[in-house]
Amino acid sequence: MTAADVVGHWTSDCGSTLTVEPDRTFNVRDFPVDFDLVSGDPKRLASGHGTWYLYAGAKGRTPQTFDLEIGEEFYDLDYVRREDSIALRTVLGVPNDNQWCVFTRRSRA
């Protein structure tokens, strides 16, 4: 993935918004950092701005991720294919539970 692949306005299926700028800054509203064990719903939400990074991953061991730094906290999002575009997703809780918050980007057309 490249910077051009992530720049733009993203919305999620869990109520969050993310605006990624070309200068490696971002603004996020209601980013889920924790979830309710019973309902699976996000319960602790982060909002703010910060710096984003493209983590290259380690070949054969860890995949490439899109990382957000909000204050002193880091959050990583995975890339997933959605038809002919990409989406970003962050795990809610334990990855094996398959609880995700998925971000999609508006068309650039």
PDB file of N, CA and C in Angstrom:
ATOM      1  N   MET A   1       0.836  -1.174   0.000  1.00  0.00           N
ATOM      2  CA  MET A   1       0.000   0.000   0.000  1.00  0.00           C
ATOM      3  C   MET A   1       0.883   1.240   0.000  1.00  0.00           C
ATOM      4  N   THR A   2       0.337   2.306  -0.548  1.00  0.00           N
ATOM      5  CA  THR A   2       1.060   3.573  -0.599  1.00  0.00           C
ATOM      6  C   THR A   2       0.228   4.657   0.082  1.00  0.00           C
ATOM      7  N   ALA A   3       0.829   5.822   0.278  1.00  0.00           N
ATOM      8  CA  ALA A   3       0.108   6.944   0.884  1.00  0.00           C
ATOM      9  C   ALA A   3      -1.137   7.288   0.077  1.00  0.00           C
ATOM     10  N   ALA A   4      -1.048   7.231  -1.237  1.00  0.00           N
ATOM     11  CA  ALA A   4      -2.208   7.546  -2.082  1.00  0.00           C
ATOM     12  C   ALA A   4      -3.377   6.606  -1.826  1.00  0.00           C
ATOM     13  N   ASP A   5      -3.086   5.399  -1.372  1.00  0.00           N
ATOM     14  CA  ASP A   5      -4.144   4.423  -1.098  1.00  0.00           C
ATOM     15  C   ASP A   5      -4.944   4.743   0.155  1.00  0.00           C
ATOM     16  N   VAL A   6      -4.406   5.568   1.050  1.00  0.00           N
ATOM     17  CA  VAL A   6      -5.092   5.828   2.325  1.00  0.00           C
ATOM     18  C   VAL A   6      -5.567   7.263   2.510  1.00  0.00           C
ATOM     19  N   VAL A   7      -5.066   8.192   1.712  1.00  0.00           N
ATOM     20  CA  VAL A   7      -5.470   9.592   1.853  1.00  0.00           C
ATOM     21  C   VAL A   7      -6.940   9.742   1.470  1.00  0.00           C
ATOM     22  N   GLY A   8      -7.688  10.468   2.302  1.00  0.00           N
ATOM     23  CA  GLY A   8      -9.092  10.729   2.012  1.00  0.00           C
ATOM     24  C   GLY A   8      -9.950  10.638   3.259  1.00  0.00           C
ATOM     25  N   HIS A   9     -11.263  10.660   3.049  1.00  0.00           N
ATOM     26  CA  HIS A   9     -12.228  10.611   4.148  1.00  0.00           C
ATOM     27  C   HIS A   9     -12.821   9.208   4.240  1.00  0.00           C
ATOM     28  N   TRP A  10     -12.724   8.607   5.415  1.00  0.00           N
ATOM     29  CA  TRP A  10     -13.187   7.244   5.666  1.00  0.00           C
ATOM     30  C   TRP A  10     -14.314   7.274   6.694  1.00  0.00           C
ATOM     31  N   THR A  11     -15.281   6.393   6.531  1.00  0.00           N
ATOM     32  CA  THR A  11     -16.334   6.210   7.535  1.00  0.00           C
ATOM     33  C   THR A  11     -16.371   4.729   7.884  1.00  0.00           C
ATOM     34  N   SER A  12     -16.823   4.428   9.088  1.00  0.00           N
ATOM     35  CA  SER A  12     -16.820   3.030   9.525  1.00  0.00           C
ATOM     36  C   SER A  12     -18.226   2.521   9.798  1.00  0.00           C
ATOM     37  N   ASP A  13     -18.316   1.210   9.883  1.00  0.00           N
ATOM     38  CA  ASP A  13     -19.584   0.569  10.215  1.00  0.00           C
ATOM     39  C   ASP A  13     -19.863   0.605  11.718  1.00  0.00           C
ATOM     40  N   CYS A  14     -18.964   1.234  12.497  1.00  0.00           N
ATOM     41  CA  CYS A  14     -19.189   1.368  13.937  1.00  0.00           C
ATOM     42  C   CYS A  14     -19.318   2.835  14.348  1.00  0.00           C
ATOM     43  N   GLY A  15     -19.565   3.722  13.370  1.00  0.00           N
ATOM     44  CA  GLY A  15     -19.845   5.119  13.683  1.00  0.00           C
ATOM     45  C   GLY A  15     -18.654   6.054  13.721  1.00  0.00           C
ATOM     46  N   SER A  16     -17.472   5.600  13.369  1.00  0.00           N
ATOM     47  CA  SER A  16     -16.272   6.431  13.391  1.00  0.00           C
ATOM     48  C   SER A  16     -16.055   7.115  12.052  1.00  0.00           C
ATOM     49  N   THR A  17     -15.351   8.234  12.092  1.00  0.00           N
ATOM     50  CA  THR A  17     -14.888   8.875  10.867  1.00  0.00           C
ATOM     51  C   THR A  17     -13.388   9.115  10.985  1.00  0.00           C
ATOM     52  N   LEU A  18     -12.718   9.074   9.856  1.00  0.00           N
ATOM     53  CA  LEU A  18     -11.269   9.231   9.801  1.00  0.00           C
ATOM     54  C   LEU A  18     -10.932  10.027   8.546  1.00  0.00           C
ATOM     55  N   THR A  19     -10.226  11.140   8.713  1.00  0.00           N
ATOM     56  CA  THR A  19      -9.758  11.925   7.580  1.00  0.00           C
ATOM     57  C   THR A  19      -8.244  11.857   7.564  1.00  0.00           C
ATOM     58  N   VAL A  20      -7.699  11.300   6.488  1.00  0.00           N
ATOM     59  CA  VAL A  20      -6.266  11.092   6.338  1.00  0.00           C
ATOM     60  C   VAL A  20      -5.725  12.110   5.327  1.00  0.00           C
ATOM     61  N   GLU A  21      -4.751  12.901   5.766  1.00  0.00           N
ATOM     62  CA  GLU A  21      -4.173  13.958   4.936  1.00  0.00           C
ATOM     63  C   GLU A  21      -2.846  13.514   4.319  1.00  0.00           C
ATOM     64  N   PRO A  22      -2.487  14.072   3.163  1.00  0.00           N
ATOM     65  CA  PRO A  22      -1.227  13.709   2.511  1.00  0.00           C
ATOM     66  C   PRO A  22       0.020  14.060   3.322  1.00  0.00           C
ATOM     67  N   ASP A  23      -0.075  15.018   4.261  1.00  0.00           N
ATOM     68  CA  ASP A  23       1.090  15.428   5.059  1.00  0.00           C
ATOM     69  C   ASP A  23       1.335  14.512   6.254  1.00  0.00           C
ATOM     70  N   ARG A  24       0.701  13.351   6.244  1.00  0.00           N
ATOM     71  CA  ARG A  24       0.841  12.312   7.286  1.00  0.00           C
ATOM     72  C   ARG A  24       0.166  12.684   8.604  1.00  0.00           C
ATOM     73  N   THR A  25      -0.826  13.565   8.533  1.00  0.00           N
ATOM     74  CA  THR A  25      -1.644  13.851   9.703  1.00  0.00           C
ATOM     75  C   THR A  25      -3.041  13.285   9.463  1.00  0.00           C
ATOM     76  N   PHE A  26      -3.809  13.166  10.538  1.00  0.00           N
ATOM     77  CA  PHE A  26      -5.179  12.672  10.428  1.00  0.00           C
ATOM     78  C   PHE A  26      -6.021  13.272  11.527  1.00  0.00           C
ATOM     79  N   ASN A  27      -7.330  13.216  11.342  1.00  0.00           N
ATOM     80  CA  ASN A  27      -8.318  13.535  12.368  1.00  0.00           C
ATOM     81  C   ASN A  27      -9.253  12.345  12.452  1.00  0.00           C
ATOM     82  N   VAL A  28      -9.590  11.949  13.661  1.00  0.00           N
ATOM     83  CA  VAL A  28     -10.482  10.812  13.853  1.00  0.00           C
ATOM     84  C   VAL A  28     -11.535  11.174  14.888  1.00  0.00           C
ATOM     85  N   ARG A  29     -12.732  10.644  14.699  1.00  0.00           N
ATOM     86  CA  ARG A  29     -13.814  10.836  15.670  1.00  0.00           C
ATOM     87  C   ARG A  29     -14.381   9.473  16.023  1.00  0.00           C
ATOM     88  N   ASP A  30     -14.481   9.210  17.308  1.00  0.00           N
ATOM     89  CA  ASP A  30     -15.101   7.988  17.836  1.00  0.00           C
ATOM     90  C   ASP A  30     -14.410   6.702  17.371  1.00  0.00           C
ATOM     91  N   PHE A  31     -13.080   6.692  17.402  1.00  0.00           N
ATOM     92  CA  PHE A  31     -12.318   5.491  17.050  1.00  0.00           C
ATOM     93  C   PHE A  31     -12.425   4.488  18.203  1.00  0.00           C
ATOM     94  N   PRO A  32     -12.848   3.249  17.924  1.00  0.00           N
ATOM     95  CA  PRO A  32     -13.048   2.270  19.001  1.00  0.00           C
ATOM     96  C   PRO A  32     -11.726   1.700  19.515  1.00  0.00           C
ATOM     97  N   VAL A  33     -11.486   1.853  20.804  1.00  0.00           N
ATOM     98  CA  VAL A  33     -10.277   1.288  21.400  1.00  0.00           C
ATOM     99  C   VAL A  33     -10.597   0.201  22.412  1.00  0.00           C
ATOM    100  N   ASP A  34     -11.858  -0.028  22.689  1.00  0.00           N
ATOM    101  CA  ASP A  34     -12.282  -1.105  23.586  1.00  0.00           C
ATOM    102  C   ASP A  34     -13.720  -1.470  23.231  1.00  0.00           C
ATOM    103  N   PHE A  35     -14.186  -2.611  23.715  1.00  0.00           N
ATOM    104  CA  PHE A  35     -15.538  -3.045  23.391  1.00  0.00           C
ATOM    105  C   PHE A  35     -16.166  -3.757  24.569  1.00  0.00           C
ATOM    106  N   ASP A  36     -17.486  -3.826  24.553  1.00  0.00           N
ATOM    107  CA  ASP A  36     -18.255  -4.493  25.599  1.00  0.00           C
ATOM    108  C   ASP A  36     -18.220  -5.996  25.344  1.00  0.00           C
ATOM    109  N   LEU A  37     -17.788  -6.764  26.325  1.00  0.00           N
ATOM    110  CA  LEU A  37     -17.666  -8.214  26.158  1.00  0.00           C
ATOM    111  C   LEU A  37     -19.000  -8.898  25.869  1.00  0.00           C
ATOM    112  N   VAL A  38     -20.082  -8.373  26.405  1.00  0.00           N
ATOM    113  CA  VAL A  38     -21.393  -8.998  26.228  1.00  0.00           C
ATOM    114  C   VAL A  38     -21.995  -8.649  24.868  1.00  0.00           C
ATOM    115  N   SER A  39     -22.078  -7.356  24.556  1.00  0.00           N
ATOM    116  CA  SER A  39     -22.736  -6.938  23.317  1.00  0.00           C
ATOM    117  C   SER A  39     -21.806  -6.911  22.113  1.00  0.00           C
ATOM    118  N   GLY A  40     -20.497  -6.766  22.356  1.00  0.00           N
ATOM    119  CA  GLY A  40     -19.549  -6.621  21.258  1.00  0.00           C
ATOM    120  C   GLY A  40     -19.475  -5.214  20.714  1.00  0.00           C
ATOM    121  N   ASP A  41     -20.238  -4.280  21.298  1.00  0.00           N
ATOM    122  CA  ASP A  41     -20.255  -2.899  20.836  1.00  0.00           C
ATOM    123  C   ASP A  41     -19.043  -2.132  21.369  1.00  0.00           C
ATOM    124  N   PRO A  42     -18.543  -1.167  20.577  1.00  0.00           N
ATOM    125  CA  PRO A  42     -17.456  -0.310  21.077  1.00  0.00           C
ATOM    126  C   PRO A  42     -17.906   0.429  22.331  1.00  0.00           C
ATOM    127  N   LYS A  43     -17.001   0.573  23.330  1.00  0.00           N
ATOM    128  CA  LYS A  43     -17.386   1.287  24.542  1.00  0.00           C
ATOM    129  C   LYS A  43     -16.415   2.390  24.930  1.00  0.00           C
ATOM    130  N   ARG A  44     -15.203   2.364  24.448  1.00  0.00           N
ATOM    131  CA  ARG A  44     -14.256   3.446  24.720  1.00  0.00           C
ATOM    132  C   ARG A  44     -13.812   3.977  23.372  1.00  0.00           C
ATOM    133  N   LEU A  45     -14.081   5.238  23.136  1.00  0.00           N
ATOM    134  CA  LEU A  45     -13.834   5.831  21.831  1.00  0.00           C
ATOM    135  C   LEU A  45     -12.810   6.949  21.942  1.00  0.00           C
ATOM    136  N   ALA A  46     -11.887   6.988  20.985  1.00  0.00           N
ATOM    137  CA  ALA A  46     -10.880   8.046  20.949  1.00  0.00           C
ATOM    138  C   ALA A  46     -11.222   9.020  19.832  1.00  0.00           C
ATOM    139  N   SER A  47     -11.010  10.286  20.097  1.00  0.00           N
ATOM    140  CA  SER A  47     -11.169  11.318  19.076  1.00  0.00           C
ATOM    141  C   SER A  47      -9.956  12.230  19.173  1.00  0.00           C
ATOM    142  N   GLY A  48      -9.543  12.748  18.048  1.00  0.00           N
ATOM    143  CA  GLY A  48      -8.412  13.661  18.051  1.00  0.00           C
ATOM    144  C   GLY A  48      -7.690  13.653  16.729  1.00  0.00           C
ATOM    145  N   HIS A  49      -6.461  14.085  16.793  1.00  0.00           N
ATOM    146  CA  HIS A  49      -5.634  14.139  15.595  1.00  0.00           C
ATOM    147  C   HIS A  49      -4.252  13.617  15.939  1.00  0.00           C
ATOM    148  N   GLY A  50      -3.490  13.344  14.914  1.00  0.00           N
ATOM    149  CA  GLY A  50      -2.148  12.831  15.142  1.00  0.00           C
ATOM    150  C   GLY A  50      -1.441  12.566  13.835  1.00  0.00           C
ATOM    151  N   THR A  51      -0.506  11.646  13.903  1.00  0.00           N
ATOM    152  CA  THR A  51       0.332  11.279  12.768  1.00  0.00           C
ATOM    153  C   THR A  51       0.024   9.845  12.366  1.00  0.00           C
ATOM    154  N   TRP A  52       0.021   9.588  11.058  1.00  0.00           N
ATOM    155  CA  TRP A  52      -0.193   8.227  10.581  1.00  0.00           C
ATOM    156  C   TRP A  52       1.072   7.695   9.923  1.00  0.00           C
ATOM    157  N   TYR A  53       1.175   6.360   9.907  1.00  0.00           N
ATOM    158  CA  TYR A  53       2.341   5.673   9.369  1.00  0.00           C
ATOM    159  C   TYR A  53       1.890   4.470   8.555  1.00  0.00           C
ATOM    160  N   LEU A  54       2.693   4.098   7.587  1.00  0.00           N
ATOM    161  CA  LEU A  54       2.512   2.838   6.887  1.00  0.00           C
ATOM    162  C   LEU A  54       3.577   1.887   7.420  1.00  0.00           C
ATOM    163  N   TYR A  55       3.138   0.859   8.139  1.00  0.00           N
ATOM    164  CA  TYR A  55       4.075  -0.128   8.672  1.00  0.00           C
ATOM    165  C   TYR A  55       4.240  -1.212   7.619  1.00  0.00           C
ATOM    166  N   ALA A  56       5.461  -1.450   7.205  1.00  0.00           N
ATOM    167  CA  ALA A  56       5.728  -2.373   6.099  1.00  0.00           C
ATOM    168  C   ALA A  56       5.490  -3.836   6.462  1.00  0.00           C
ATOM    169  N   GLY A  57       5.536  -4.181   7.735  1.00  0.00           N
ATOM    170  CA  GLY A  57       5.388  -5.582   8.119  1.00  0.00           C
ATOM    171  C   GLY A  57       6.685  -6.334   7.884  1.00  0.00           C
ATOM    172  N   ALA A  58       6.696  -7.565   8.317  1.00  0.00           N
ATOM    173  CA  ALA A  58       7.865  -8.422   8.133  1.00  0.00           C
ATOM    174  C   ALA A  58       7.472  -9.559   7.205  1.00  0.00           C
ATOM    175  N   LYS A  59       8.132  -9.640   6.081  1.00  0.00           N
ATOM    176  CA  LYS A  59       7.775 -10.618   5.059  1.00  0.00           C
ATOM    177  C   LYS A  59       7.611 -12.021   5.652  1.00  0.00           C
ATOM    178  N   GLY A  60       6.440 -12.593   5.398  1.00  0.00           N
ATOM    179  CA  GLY A  60       6.161 -13.946   5.860  1.00  0.00           C
ATOM    180  C   GLY A  60       5.733 -14.053   7.312  1.00  0.00           C
ATOM    181  N   ARG A  61       5.766 -12.931   8.056  1.00  0.00           N
ATOM    182  CA  ARG A  61       5.405 -13.015   9.473  1.00  0.00           C
ATOM    183  C   ARG A  61       4.301 -12.056   9.877  1.00  0.00           C
ATOM    184  N   THR A  62       4.432 -10.789   9.569  1.00  0.00           N
ATOM    185  CA  THR A  62       3.392  -9.830   9.931  1.00  0.00           C
ATOM    186  C   THR A  62       2.991  -9.028   8.694  1.00  0.00           C
ATOM    187  N   PRO A  63       1.715  -8.781   8.526  1.00  0.00           N
ATOM    188  CA  PRO A  63       1.256  -8.040   7.342  1.00  0.00           C
ATOM    189  C   PRO A  63       1.495  -6.539   7.484  1.00  0.00           C
ATOM    190  N   GLN A  64       1.422  -5.846   6.363  1.00  0.00           N
ATOM    191  CA  GLN A  64       1.510  -4.393   6.362  1.00  0.00           C
ATOM    192  C   GLN A  64       0.280  -3.839   7.073  1.00  0.00           C
ATOM    193  N   THR A  65       0.454  -2.763   7.840  1.00  0.00           N
ATOM    194  CA  THR A  65      -0.666  -2.125   8.529  1.00  0.00           C
ATOM    195  C   THR A  65      -0.614  -0.615   8.341  1.00  0.00           C
ATOM    196  N   PHE A  66      -1.742   0.012   8.608  1.00  0.00           N
ATOM    197  CA  PHE A  66      -1.872   1.463   8.623  1.00  0.00           C
ATOM    198  C   PHE A  66      -1.991   1.839  10.094  1.00  0.00           C
ATOM    199  N   ASP A  67      -1.052   2.621  10.595  1.00  0.00           N
ATOM    200  CA  ASP A  67      -0.965   2.907  12.025  1.00  0.00           C
ATOM    201  C   ASP A  67      -1.290   4.364  12.331  1.00  0.00           C
ATOM    202  N   LEU A  68      -2.062   4.565  13.392  1.00  0.00           N
ATOM    203  CA  LEU A  68      -2.428   5.893  13.867  1.00  0.00           C
ATOM    204  C   LEU A  68      -1.767   6.137  15.209  1.00  0.00           C
ATOM    205  N   GLU A  69      -1.201   7.317  15.394  1.00  0.00           N
ATOM    206  CA  GLU A  69      -0.645   7.721  16.682  1.00  0.00           C
ATOM    207  C   GLU A  69      -1.503   8.867  17.205  1.00  0.00           C
ATOM    208  N   ILE A  70      -2.217   8.604  18.300  1.00  0.00           N
ATOM    209  CA  ILE A  70      -3.039   9.618  18.951  1.00  0.00           C
ATOM    210  C   ILE A  70      -2.414   9.845  20.326  1.00  0.00           C
ATOM    211  N   GLY A  71      -1.757  10.993  20.501  1.00  0.00           N
ATOM    212  CA  GLY A  71      -1.034  11.232  21.752  1.00  0.00           C
ATOM    213  C   GLY A  71       0.096  10.224  21.875  1.00  0.00           C
ATOM    214  N   GLU A  72       0.081   9.442  22.946  1.00  0.00           N
ATOM    215  CA  GLU A  72       1.111   8.425  23.148  1.00  0.00           C
ATOM    216  C   GLU A  72       0.608   7.024  22.838  1.00  0.00           C
ATOM    217  N   GLU A  73      -0.579   6.922  22.245  1.00  0.00           N
ATOM    218  CA  GLU A  73      -1.168   5.622  21.917  1.00  0.00           C
ATOM    219  C   GLU A  73      -1.043   5.349  20.421  1.00  0.00           C
ATOM    220  N   PHE A  74      -0.793   4.085  20.071  1.00  0.00           N
ATOM    221  CA  PHE A  74      -0.739   3.648  18.689  1.00  0.00           C
ATOM    222  C   PHE A  74      -1.855   2.648  18.441  1.00  0.00           C
ATOM    223  N   TYR A  75      -2.504   2.772  17.283  1.00  0.00           N
ATOM    224  CA  TYR A  75      -3.559   1.840  16.881  1.00  0.00           C
ATOM    225  C   TYR A  75      -3.266   1.413  15.456  1.00  0.00           C
ATOM    226  N   ASP A  76      -3.377   0.131  15.190  1.00  0.00           N
ATOM    227  CA  ASP A  76      -3.108  -0.338  13.836  1.00  0.00           C
ATOM    228  C   ASP A  76      -4.379  -0.859  13.185  1.00  0.00           C
ATOM    229  N   LEU A  77      -4.454  -0.641  11.888  1.00  0.00           N
ATOM    230  CA  LEU A  77      -5.574  -1.104  11.084  1.00  0.00           C
ATOM    231  C   LEU A  77      -5.019  -2.000   9.983  1.00  0.00           C
ATOM    232  N   ASP A  78      -5.743  -3.064   9.696  1.00  0.00           N
ATOM    233  CA  ASP A  78      -5.372  -3.978   8.624  1.00  0.00           C
ATOM    234  C   ASP A  78      -6.021  -3.531   7.324  1.00  0.00           C
ATOM    235  N   TYR A  79      -5.419  -3.909   6.209  1.00  0.00           N
ATOM    236  CA  TYR A  79      -5.996  -3.678   4.898  1.00  0.00           C
ATOM    237  C   TYR A  79      -6.827  -4.890   4.510  1.00  0.00           C
ATOM    238  N   VAL A  80      -8.006  -4.660   3.972  1.00  0.00           N
ATOM    239  CA  VAL A  80      -8.836  -5.747   3.451  1.00  0.00           C
ATOM    240  C   VAL A  80      -9.390  -5.335   2.091  1.00  0.00           C
ATOM    241  N   ARG A  81      -9.537  -6.291   1.208  1.00  0.00           N
ATOM    242  CA  ARG A  81     -10.101  -6.036  -0.121  1.00  0.00           C
ATOM    243  C   ARG A  81     -11.608  -5.975  -0.032  1.00  0.00           C
ATOM    244  N   ARG A  82     -12.197  -4.984  -0.686  1.00  0.00           N
ATOM    245  CA  ARG A  82     -13.646  -4.835  -0.814  1.00  0.00           C
ATOM    246  C   ARG A  82     -13.938  -4.626  -2.281  1.00  0.00           C
ATOM    247  N   GLU A  83     -14.320  -5.696  -2.969  1.00  0.00           N
ATOM    248  CA  GLU A  83     -14.563  -5.650  -4.410  1.00  0.00           C
ATOM    249  C   GLU A  83     -13.348  -5.065  -5.111  1.00  0.00           C
ATOM    250  N   ASP A  84     -13.461  -3.866  -5.715  1.00  0.00           N
ATOM    251  CA  ASP A  84     -12.328  -3.300  -6.443  1.00  0.00           C
ATOM    252  C   ASP A  84     -11.616  -2.198  -5.663  1.00  0.00           C
ATOM    253  N   SER A  85     -11.803  -2.145  -4.335  1.00  0.00           N
ATOM    254  CA  SER A  85     -11.134  -1.133  -3.519  1.00  0.00           C
ATOM    255  C   SER A  85     -10.624  -1.777  -2.235  1.00  0.00           C
ATOM    256  N   ILE A  86     -10.028  -0.954  -1.390  1.00  0.00           N
ATOM    257  CA  ILE A  86      -9.561  -1.457  -0.096  1.00  0.00           C
ATOM    258  C   ILE A  86     -10.419  -0.868   1.017  1.00  0.00           C
ATOM    259  N   ALA A  87     -10.402  -1.544   2.136  1.00  0.00           N
ATOM    260  CA  ALA A  87     -11.010  -1.054   3.366  1.00  0.00           C
ATOM    261  C   ALA A  87      -9.945  -1.188   4.450  1.00  0.00           C
ATOM    262  N   LEU A  88     -10.135  -0.473   5.530  1.00  0.00           N
ATOM    263  CA  LEU A  88      -9.263  -0.570   6.698  1.00  0.00           C
ATOM    264  C   LEU A  88     -10.098  -1.132   7.831  1.00  0.00           C
ATOM    265  N   ARG A  89      -9.522  -2.014   8.632  1.00  0.00           N
ATOM    266  CA  ARG A  89     -10.293  -2.537   9.757  1.00  0.00           C
ATOM    267  C   ARG A  89      -9.420  -2.624  11.001  1.00  0.00           C
ATOM    268  N   THR A  90     -10.088  -2.399  12.125  1.00  0.00           N
ATOM    269  CA  THR A  90      -9.427  -2.546  13.410  1.00  0.00           C
ATOM    270  C   THR A  90     -10.210  -3.571  14.219  1.00  0.00           C
ATOM    271  N   VAL A  91      -9.490  -4.346  14.984  1.00  0.00           N
ATOM    272  CA  VAL A  91     -10.116  -5.413  15.766  1.00  0.00           C
ATOM    273  C   VAL A  91     -10.749  -4.833  17.021  1.00  0.00           C
ATOM    274  N   LEU A  92     -11.892  -5.371  17.383  1.00  0.00           N
ATOM    275  CA  LEU A  92     -12.550  -5.031  18.645  1.00  0.00           C
ATOM    276  C   LEU A  92     -12.343  -6.229  19.558  1.00  0.00           C
ATOM    277  N   GLY A  93     -11.431  -6.096  20.493  1.00  0.00           N
ATOM    278  CA  GLY A  93     -11.170  -7.193  21.412  1.00  0.00           C
ATOM    279  C   GLY A  93     -10.150  -8.167  20.864  1.00  0.00           C
ATOM    280  N   VAL A  94     -10.473  -9.456  20.930  1.00  0.00           N
ATOM    281  CA  VAL A  94      -9.570 -10.525  20.538  1.00  0.00           C
ATOM    282  C   VAL A  94      -9.793 -10.871  19.064  1.00  0.00           C
ATOM    283  N   PRO A  95      -8.729 -10.895  18.238  1.00  0.00           N
ATOM    284  CA  PRO A  95      -8.906 -11.168  16.807  1.00  0.00           C
ATOM    285  C   PRO A  95      -9.678 -12.453  16.503  1.00  0.00           C
ATOM    286  N   ASN A  96      -9.521 -13.480  17.314  1.00  0.00           N
ATOM    287  CA  ASN A  96     -10.218 -14.749  17.062  1.00  0.00           C
ATOM    288  C   ASN A  96     -11.727 -14.634  17.214  1.00  0.00           C
ATOM    289  N   ASP A  97     -12.211 -13.561  17.858  1.00  0.00           N
ATOM    290  CA  ASP A  97     -13.654 -13.355  18.010  1.00  0.00           C
ATOM    291  C   ASP A  97     -14.296 -12.771  16.746  1.00  0.00           C
ATOM    292  N   ASN A  98     -13.459 -12.357  15.786  1.00  0.00           N
ATOM    293  CA  ASN A  98     -13.944 -11.786  14.523  1.00  0.00           C
ATOM    294  C   ASN A  98     -14.894 -10.606  14.719  1.00  0.00           C
ATOM    295  N   GLN A  99     -14.557  -9.723  15.645  1.00  0.00           N
ATOM    296  CA  GLN A  99     -15.292  -8.476  15.858  1.00  0.00           C
ATOM    297  C   GLN A  99     -14.435  -7.358  15.278  1.00  0.00           C
ATOM    298  N   TRP A 100     -14.924  -6.704  14.218  1.00  0.00           N
ATOM    299  CA  TRP A 100     -14.143  -5.695  13.526  1.00  0.00           C
ATOM    300  C   TRP A 100     -14.920  -4.399  13.369  1.00  0.00           C
ATOM    301  N   CYS A 101     -14.221  -3.320  13.289  1.00  0.00           N
ATOM    302  CA  CYS A 101     -14.761  -2.029  12.868  1.00  0.00           C
ATOM    303  C   CYS A 101     -14.106  -1.763  11.519  1.00  0.00           C
ATOM    304  N   VAL A 102     -14.913  -1.660  10.456  1.00  0.00           N
ATOM    305  CA  VAL A 102     -14.391  -1.564   9.105  1.00  0.00           C
ATOM    306  C   VAL A 102     -14.620  -0.161   8.534  1.00  0.00           C
ATOM    307  N   PHE A 103     -13.564   0.455   8.033  1.00  0.00           N
ATOM    308  CA  PHE A 103     -13.607   1.781   7.431  1.00  0.00           C
ATOM    309  C   PHE A 103     -13.570   1.659   5.916  1.00  0.00           C
ATOM    310  N   THR A 104     -14.458   2.390   5.252  1.00  0.00           N
ATOM    311  CA  THR A 104     -14.436   2.476   3.792  1.00  0.00           C
ATOM    312  C   THR A 104     -14.308   3.937   3.399  1.00  0.00           C
ATOM    313  N   ARG A 105     -13.752   4.153   2.219  1.00  0.00           N
ATOM    314  CA  ARG A 105     -13.491   5.518   1.767  1.00  0.00           C
ATOM    315  C   ARG A 105     -14.465   5.893   0.662  1.00  0.00           C
ATOM    316  N   ARG A 106     -14.872   7.153   0.703  1.00  0.00           N
ATOM    317  CA  ARG A 106     -15.714   7.675  -0.369  1.00  0.00           C
ATOM    318  C   ARG A 106     -14.956   7.615  -1.677  1.00  0.00           C
ATOM    319  N   SER A 107     -15.666   7.449  -2.745  1.00  0.00           N
ATOM    320  CA  SER A 107     -15.068   7.440  -4.079  1.00  0.00           C
ATOM    321  C   SER A 107     -14.347   8.752  -4.341  1.00  0.00           C
ATOM    322  N   ARG A 108     -13.218   8.676  -5.022  1.00  0.00           N
ATOM    323  CA  ARG A 108     -12.451   9.871  -5.355  1.00  0.00           C
ATOM    324  C   ARG A 108     -12.928  10.495  -6.658  1.00  0.00           C
ATOM    325  N   ALA A 109     -13.981   9.973  -7.255  1.00  0.00           N
ATOM    326  CA  ALA A 109     -14.459  10.458  -8.552  1.00  0.00           C
ATOM    327  C   ALA A 109     -15.060  11.838  -8.461  1.00  0.00           C
TER     328      ALA A 109
END
